[in-house]
Amino acid sequence: MPQHRSKNNQTISPYMTPRELAARWQCSRTSVDRIARRASFTRICLGEGANGLVRYLREEVLHYEKIREIKLT
């Protein structure tokens, strides 16, 4: 999996949390869950039950955003 670098040359995690996506997309966590499910994002589930963590692959998120771009003419 490719490593991403931030502007200050720090390694960025290959994963994104639902909370990060909600902030990035300026929507609710529920909307992130619904969009991720419909887009068939790979869910990485760490732990179990209500206290488990969910992560999405950053590469998939960036690809999804790219294909959803609409250029206005």
PDB file of N, CA and C in Angstrom:
ATOM      1  N   MET A   1       0.852  -1.168   0.000  1.00  0.00           N
ATOM      2  CA  MET A   1       0.000   0.000   0.000  1.00  0.00           C
ATOM      3  C   MET A   1       0.900   1.235   0.000  1.00  0.00           C
ATOM      4  N   PRO A   2       0.673   2.192  -0.902  1.00  0.00           N
ATOM      5  CA  PRO A   2       1.542   3.359  -0.976  1.00  0.00           C
ATOM      6  C   PRO A   2       1.414   4.238   0.260  1.00  0.00           C
ATOM      7  N   GLN A   3       2.535   4.830   0.647  1.00  0.00           N
ATOM      8  CA  GLN A   3       2.546   5.770   1.760  1.00  0.00           C
ATOM      9  C   GLN A   3       2.258   7.166   1.227  1.00  0.00           C
ATOM     10  N   HIS A   4       1.444   7.906   1.921  1.00  0.00           N
ATOM     11  CA  HIS A   4       1.157   9.288   1.557  1.00  0.00           C
ATOM     12  C   HIS A   4       1.946  10.184   2.481  1.00  0.00           C
ATOM     13  N   ARG A   5       2.342  11.337   1.978  1.00  0.00           N
ATOM     14  CA  ARG A   5       3.095  12.308   2.774  1.00  0.00           C
ATOM     15  C   ARG A   5       2.324  13.621   2.845  1.00  0.00           C
ATOM     16  N   SER A   6       2.361  14.241   4.003  1.00  0.00           N
ATOM     17  CA  SER A   6       1.719  15.548   4.166  1.00  0.00           C
ATOM     18  C   SER A   6       2.669  16.636   3.680  1.00  0.00           C
ATOM     19  N   LYS A   7       2.214  17.885   3.723  1.00  0.00           N
ATOM     20  CA  LYS A   7       3.033  19.010   3.273  1.00  0.00           C
ATOM     21  C   LYS A   7       4.322  19.140   4.074  1.00  0.00           C
ATOM     22  N   ASN A   8       4.280  18.762   5.347  1.00  0.00           N
ATOM     23  CA  ASN A   8       5.491  18.860   6.165  1.00  0.00           C
ATOM     24  C   ASN A   8       6.275  17.550   6.168  1.00  0.00           C
ATOM     25  N   ASN A   9       6.029  16.717   5.161  1.00  0.00           N
ATOM     26  CA  ASN A   9       6.779  15.484   4.892  1.00  0.00           C
ATOM     27  C   ASN A   9       6.597  14.403   5.952  1.00  0.00           C
ATOM     28  N   GLN A  10       5.478  14.424   6.686  1.00  0.00           N
ATOM     29  CA  GLN A  10       5.182  13.362   7.637  1.00  0.00           C
ATOM     30  C   GLN A  10       4.361  12.293   6.933  1.00  0.00           C
ATOM     31  N   THR A  11       4.559  11.045   7.337  1.00  0.00           N
ATOM     32  CA  THR A  11       3.797   9.950   6.754  1.00  0.00           C
ATOM     33  C   THR A  11       2.346  10.035   7.215  1.00  0.00           C
ATOM     34  N   ILE A  12       1.426   9.904   6.273  1.00  0.00           N
ATOM     35  CA  ILE A  12      -0.004   9.925   6.567  1.00  0.00           C
ATOM     36  C   ILE A  12      -0.491   8.474   6.575  1.00  0.00           C
ATOM     37  N   SER A  13      -1.351   8.163   7.505  1.00  0.00           N
ATOM     38  CA  SER A  13      -1.895   6.813   7.620  1.00  0.00           C
ATOM     39  C   SER A  13      -2.611   6.408   6.328  1.00  0.00           C
ATOM     40  N   PRO A  14      -2.503   5.145   5.942  1.00  0.00           N
ATOM     41  CA  PRO A  14      -3.240   4.670   4.768  1.00  0.00           C
ATOM     42  C   PRO A  14      -4.733   4.485   5.062  1.00  0.00           C
ATOM     43  N   TYR A  15      -5.143   4.775   6.291  1.00  0.00           N
ATOM     44  CA  TYR A  15      -6.530   4.595   6.699  1.00  0.00           C
ATOM     45  C   TYR A  15      -7.159   5.932   7.080  1.00  0.00           C
ATOM     46  N   MET A  16      -8.489   5.998   6.985  1.00  0.00           N
ATOM     47  CA  MET A  16      -9.235   7.173   7.420  1.00  0.00           C
ATOM     48  C   MET A  16     -10.351   6.713   8.341  1.00  0.00           C
ATOM     49  N   THR A  17     -10.598   7.491   9.374  1.00  0.00           N
ATOM     50  CA  THR A  17     -11.691   7.177  10.285  1.00  0.00           C
ATOM     51  C   THR A  17     -12.989   7.769   9.737  1.00  0.00           C
ATOM     52  N   PRO A  18     -14.123   7.224  10.145  1.00  0.00           N
ATOM     53  CA  PRO A  18     -15.388   7.829   9.751  1.00  0.00           C
ATOM     54  C   PRO A  18     -15.494   9.288  10.203  1.00  0.00           C
ATOM     55  N   ARG A  19     -14.938   9.610  11.354  1.00  0.00           N
ATOM     56  CA  ARG A  19     -14.967  10.985  11.848  1.00  0.00           C
ATOM     57  C   ARG A  19     -14.152  11.916  10.936  1.00  0.00           C
ATOM     58  N   GLU A  20     -12.986  11.439  10.474  1.00  0.00           N
ATOM     59  CA  GLU A  20     -12.187  12.230   9.536  1.00  0.00           C
ATOM     60  C   GLU A  20     -12.960  12.501   8.246  1.00  0.00           C
ATOM     61  N   LEU A  21     -13.630  11.461   7.757  1.00  0.00           N
ATOM     62  CA  LEU A  21     -14.412  11.625   6.532  1.00  0.00           C
ATOM     63  C   LEU A  21     -15.580  12.575   6.733  1.00  0.00           C
ATOM     64  N   ALA A  22     -16.239  12.493   7.868  1.00  0.00           N
ATOM     65  CA  ALA A  22     -17.357  13.393   8.147  1.00  0.00           C
ATOM     66  C   ALA A  22     -16.877  14.845   8.150  1.00  0.00           C
ATOM     67  N   ALA A  23     -15.714  15.098   8.730  1.00  0.00           N
ATOM     68  CA  ALA A  23     -15.160  16.452   8.739  1.00  0.00           C
ATOM     69  C   ALA A  23     -14.734  16.861   7.330  1.00  0.00           C
ATOM     70  N   ARG A  24     -14.104  15.956   6.611  1.00  0.00           N
ATOM     71  CA  ARG A  24     -13.633  16.240   5.251  1.00  0.00           C
ATOM     72  C   ARG A  24     -14.797  16.557   4.323  1.00  0.00           C
ATOM     73  N   TRP A  25     -15.874  15.785   4.427  1.00  0.00           N
ATOM     74  CA  TRP A  25     -17.027  15.945   3.542  1.00  0.00           C
ATOM     75  C   TRP A  25     -18.087  16.876   4.135  1.00  0.00           C
ATOM     76  N   GLN A  26     -17.874  17.371   5.321  1.00  0.00           N
ATOM     77  CA  GLN A  26     -18.806  18.261   6.015  1.00  0.00           C
ATOM     78  C   GLN A  26     -20.212  17.663   6.053  1.00  0.00           C
ATOM     79  N   CYS A  27     -20.270  16.457   6.599  1.00  0.00           N
ATOM     80  CA  CYS A  27     -21.546  15.760   6.736  1.00  0.00           C
ATOM     81  C   CYS A  27     -21.532  14.968   8.038  1.00  0.00           C
ATOM     82  N   SER A  28     -22.604  14.278   8.311  1.00  0.00           N
ATOM     83  CA  SER A  28     -22.696  13.499   9.542  1.00  0.00           C
ATOM     84  C   SER A  28     -22.009  12.141   9.396  1.00  0.00           C
ATOM     85  N   ARG A  29     -21.738  11.543  10.526  1.00  0.00           N
ATOM     86  CA  ARG A  29     -21.149  10.198  10.547  1.00  0.00           C
ATOM     87  C   ARG A  29     -22.106   9.209   9.878  1.00  0.00           C
ATOM     88  N   THR A  30     -23.400   9.392  10.083  1.00  0.00           N
ATOM     89  CA  THR A  30     -24.403   8.523   9.465  1.00  0.00           C
ATOM     90  C   THR A  30     -24.319   8.605   7.944  1.00  0.00           C
ATOM     91  N   SER A  31     -24.132   9.814   7.425  1.00  0.00           N
ATOM     92  CA  SER A  31     -23.989   9.981   5.974  1.00  0.00           C
ATOM     93  C   SER A  31     -22.738   9.283   5.469  1.00  0.00           C
ATOM     94  N   VAL A  32     -21.646   9.397   6.213  1.00  0.00           N
ATOM     95  CA  VAL A  32     -20.406   8.707   5.832  1.00  0.00           C
ATOM     96  C   VAL A  32     -20.650   7.208   5.758  1.00  0.00           C
ATOM     97  N   ASP A  33     -21.298   6.654   6.765  1.00  0.00           N
ATOM     98  CA  ASP A  33     -21.581   5.211   6.778  1.00  0.00           C
ATOM     99  C   ASP A  33     -22.422   4.802   5.569  1.00  0.00           C
ATOM    100  N   ARG A  34     -23.435   5.596   5.255  1.00  0.00           N
ATOM    101  CA  ARG A  34     -24.321   5.285   4.125  1.00  0.00           C
ATOM    102  C   ARG A  34     -23.562   5.370   2.790  1.00  0.00           C
ATOM    103  N   ILE A  35     -22.791   6.441   2.606  1.00  0.00           N
ATOM    104  CA  ILE A  35     -22.021   6.602   1.367  1.00  0.00           C
ATOM    105  C   ILE A  35     -21.001   5.484   1.224  1.00  0.00           C
ATOM    106  N   ALA A  36     -20.303   5.169   2.297  1.00  0.00           N
ATOM    107  CA  ALA A  36     -19.285   4.119   2.271  1.00  0.00           C
ATOM    108  C   ALA A  36     -19.902   2.763   1.920  1.00  0.00           C
ATOM    109  N   ARG A  37     -21.080   2.501   2.456  1.00  0.00           N
ATOM    110  CA  ARG A  37     -21.764   1.236   2.169  1.00  0.00           C
ATOM    111  C   ARG A  37     -22.175   1.177   0.698  1.00  0.00           C
ATOM    112  N   ARG A  38     -22.761   2.260   0.192  1.00  0.00           N
ATOM    113  CA  ARG A  38     -23.207   2.298  -1.206  1.00  0.00           C
ATOM    114  C   ARG A  38     -22.031   2.246  -2.192  1.00  0.00           C
ATOM    115  N   ALA A  39     -20.901   2.839  -1.794  1.00  0.00           N
ATOM    116  CA  ALA A  39     -19.720   2.853  -2.663  1.00  0.00           C
ATOM    117  C   ALA A  39     -18.882   1.582  -2.495  1.00  0.00           C
ATOM    118  N   SER A  40     -19.314   0.700  -1.614  1.00  0.00           N
ATOM    119  CA  SER A  40     -18.617  -0.569  -1.343  1.00  0.00           C
ATOM    120  C   SER A  40     -17.177  -0.366  -0.886  1.00  0.00           C
ATOM    121  N   PHE A  41     -16.965   0.636  -0.013  1.00  0.00           N
ATOM    122  CA  PHE A  41     -15.640   0.821   0.550  1.00  0.00           C
ATOM    123  C   PHE A  41     -15.265  -0.407   1.368  1.00  0.00           C
ATOM    124  N   THR A  42     -13.998  -0.724   1.372  1.00  0.00           N
ATOM    125  CA  THR A  42     -13.491  -1.780   2.239  1.00  0.00           C
ATOM    126  C   THR A  42     -13.531  -1.257   3.669  1.00  0.00           C
ATOM    127  N   ARG A  43     -14.196  -1.988   4.538  1.00  0.00           N
ATOM    128  CA  ARG A  43     -14.257  -1.619   5.966  1.00  0.00           C
ATOM    129  C   ARG A  43     -13.253  -2.461   6.723  1.00  0.00           C
ATOM    130  N   ILE A  44     -12.409  -1.804   7.463  1.00  0.00           N
ATOM    131  CA  ILE A  44     -11.480  -2.512   8.330  1.00  0.00           C
ATOM    132  C   ILE A  44     -12.024  -2.348   9.738  1.00  0.00           C
ATOM    133  N   CYS A  45     -12.434  -3.454  10.334  1.00  0.00           N
ATOM    134  CA  CYS A  45     -13.050  -3.440  11.663  1.00  0.00           C
ATOM    135  C   CYS A  45     -12.051  -3.979  12.680  1.00  0.00           C
ATOM    136  N   LEU A  46     -11.665  -3.118  13.598  1.00  0.00           N
ATOM    137  CA  LEU A  46     -10.722  -3.479  14.648  1.00  0.00           C
ATOM    138  C   LEU A  46     -11.488  -3.561  15.955  1.00  0.00           C
ATOM    139  N   GLY A  47     -11.371  -4.664  16.631  1.00  0.00           N
ATOM    140  CA  GLY A  47     -12.145  -4.848  17.850  1.00  0.00           C
ATOM    141  C   GLY A  47     -13.504  -5.421  17.511  1.00  0.00           C
ATOM    142  N   GLU A  48     -14.357  -5.479  18.525  1.00  0.00           N
ATOM    143  CA  GLU A  48     -15.677  -6.079  18.320  1.00  0.00           C
ATOM    144  C   GLU A  48     -16.762  -5.242  18.986  1.00  0.00           C
ATOM    145  N   GLY A  49     -17.958  -5.416  18.504  1.00  0.00           N
ATOM    146  CA  GLY A  49     -19.122  -4.784  19.121  1.00  0.00           C
ATOM    147  C   GLY A  49     -19.143  -3.276  19.009  1.00  0.00           C
ATOM    148  N   ALA A  50     -19.847  -2.646  19.930  1.00  0.00           N
ATOM    149  CA  ALA A  50     -20.042  -1.195  19.912  1.00  0.00           C
ATOM    150  C   ALA A  50     -18.739  -0.429  20.112  1.00  0.00           C
ATOM    151  N   ASN A  51     -17.757  -1.056  20.731  1.00  0.00           N
ATOM    152  CA  ASN A  51     -16.486  -0.388  20.988  1.00  0.00           C
ATOM    153  C   ASN A  51     -15.452  -0.639  19.897  1.00  0.00           C
ATOM    154  N   GLY A  52     -15.841  -1.350  18.849  1.00  0.00           N
ATOM    155  CA  GLY A  52     -14.917  -1.631  17.761  1.00  0.00           C
ATOM    156  C   GLY A  52     -14.622  -0.386  16.938  1.00  0.00           C
ATOM    157  N   LEU A  53     -13.486  -0.372  16.286  1.00  0.00           N
ATOM    158  CA  LEU A  53     -13.078   0.752  15.449  1.00  0.00           C
ATOM    159  C   LEU A  53     -13.287   0.401  13.988  1.00  0.00           C
ATOM    160  N   VAL A  54     -13.685   1.392  13.200  1.00  0.00           N
ATOM    161  CA  VAL A  54     -13.857   1.215  11.759  1.00  0.00           C
ATOM    162  C   VAL A  54     -12.883   2.137  11.058  1.00  0.00           C
ATOM    163  N   ARG A  55     -12.221   1.632  10.047  1.00  0.00           N
ATOM    164  CA  ARG A  55     -11.315   2.431   9.226  1.00  0.00           C
ATOM    165  C   ARG A  55     -11.615   2.138   7.765  1.00  0.00           C
ATOM    166  N   TYR A  56     -11.391   3.152   6.930  1.00  0.00           N
ATOM    167  CA  TYR A  56     -11.540   3.003   5.488  1.00  0.00           C
ATOM    168  C   TYR A  56     -10.185   3.239   4.845  1.00  0.00           C
ATOM    169  N   LEU A  57      -9.970   2.638   3.687  1.00  0.00           N
ATOM    170  CA  LEU A  57      -8.707   2.810   2.979  1.00  0.00           C
ATOM    171  C   LEU A  57      -8.664   4.186   2.312  1.00  0.00           C
ATOM    172  N   ARG A  58      -7.672   4.974   2.659  1.00  0.00           N
ATOM    173  CA  ARG A  58      -7.519   6.330   2.126  1.00  0.00           C
ATOM    174  C   ARG A  58      -7.510   6.320   0.598  1.00  0.00           C
ATOM    175  N   GLU A  59      -6.833   5.344   0.021  1.00  0.00           N
ATOM    176  CA  GLU A  59      -6.742   5.233  -1.440  1.00  0.00           C
ATOM    177  C   GLU A  59      -8.128   5.099  -2.079  1.00  0.00           C
ATOM    178  N   GLU A  60      -8.995   4.291  -1.470  1.00  0.00           N
ATOM    179  CA  GLU A  60     -10.357   4.121  -1.989  1.00  0.00           C
ATOM    180  C   GLU A  60     -11.158   5.413  -1.865  1.00  0.00           C
ATOM    181  N   VAL A  61     -10.985   6.112  -0.746  1.00  0.00           N
ATOM    182  CA  VAL A  61     -11.702   7.365  -0.525  1.00  0.00           C
ATOM    183  C   VAL A  61     -11.288   8.393  -1.579  1.00  0.00           C
ATOM    184  N   LEU A  62      -9.990   8.536  -1.798  1.00  0.00           N
ATOM    185  CA  LEU A  62      -9.491   9.506  -2.778  1.00  0.00           C
ATOM    186  C   LEU A  62      -9.960   9.153  -4.190  1.00  0.00           C
ATOM    187  N   HIS A  63      -9.966   7.865  -4.504  1.00  0.00           N
ATOM    188  CA  HIS A  63     -10.448   7.430  -5.822  1.00  0.00           C
ATOM    189  C   HIS A  63     -11.939   7.750  -5.970  1.00  0.00           C
ATOM    190  N   TYR A  64     -12.717   7.476  -4.947  1.00  0.00           N
ATOM    191  CA  TYR A  64     -14.151   7.767  -4.977  1.00  0.00           C
ATOM    192  C   TYR A  64     -14.394   9.256  -5.201  1.00  0.00           C
ATOM    193  N   GLU A  65     -13.651  10.089  -4.484  1.00  0.00           N
ATOM    194  CA  GLU A  65     -13.814  11.536  -4.659  1.00  0.00           C
ATOM    195  C   GLU A  65     -13.477  11.951  -6.088  1.00  0.00           C
ATOM    196  N   LYS A  66     -12.435  11.359  -6.632  1.00  0.00           N
ATOM    197  CA  LYS A  66     -12.014  11.706  -8.001  1.00  0.00           C
ATOM    198  C   LYS A  66     -13.095  11.350  -9.026  1.00  0.00           C
ATOM    199  N   ILE A  67     -13.684  10.163  -8.896  1.00  0.00           N
ATOM    200  CA  ILE A  67     -14.682   9.758  -9.893  1.00  0.00           C
ATOM    201  C   ILE A  67     -16.011  10.487  -9.714  1.00  0.00           C
ATOM    202  N   ARG A  68     -16.200  11.106  -8.553  1.00  0.00           N
ATOM    203  CA  ARG A  68     -17.441  11.850  -8.301  1.00  0.00           C
ATOM    204  C   ARG A  68     -17.331  13.321  -8.692  1.00  0.00           C
ATOM    205  N   GLU A  69     -16.150  13.744  -9.142  1.00  0.00           N
ATOM    206  CA  GLU A  69     -15.973  15.136  -9.560  1.00  0.00           C
ATOM    207  C   GLU A  69     -16.821  15.434 -10.784  1.00  0.00           C
ATOM    208  N   ILE A  70     -17.412  16.618 -10.795  1.00  0.00           N
ATOM    209  CA  ILE A  70     -18.197  17.067 -11.943  1.00  0.00           C
ATOM    210  C   ILE A  70     -17.643  18.419 -12.356  1.00  0.00           C
ATOM    211  N   LYS A  71     -17.197  18.495 -13.583  1.00  0.00           N
ATOM    212  CA  LYS A  71     -16.659  19.745 -14.117  1.00  0.00           C
ATOM    213  C   LYS A  71     -17.806  20.527 -14.733  1.00  0.00           C
ATOM    214  N   LEU A  72     -17.961  21.763 -14.316  1.00  0.00           N
ATOM    215  CA  LEU A  72     -18.992  22.620 -14.874  1.00  0.00           C
ATOM    216  C   LEU A  72     -18.428  23.381 -16.065  1.00  0.00           C
ATOM    217  N   THR A  73     -19.214  23.466 -17.118  1.00  0.00           N
ATOM    218  CA  THR A  73     -18.750  24.188 -18.313  1.00  0.00           C
ATOM    219  C   THR A  73     -19.571  25.409 -18.564  1.00  0.00           C
TER     220      THR A  73
END
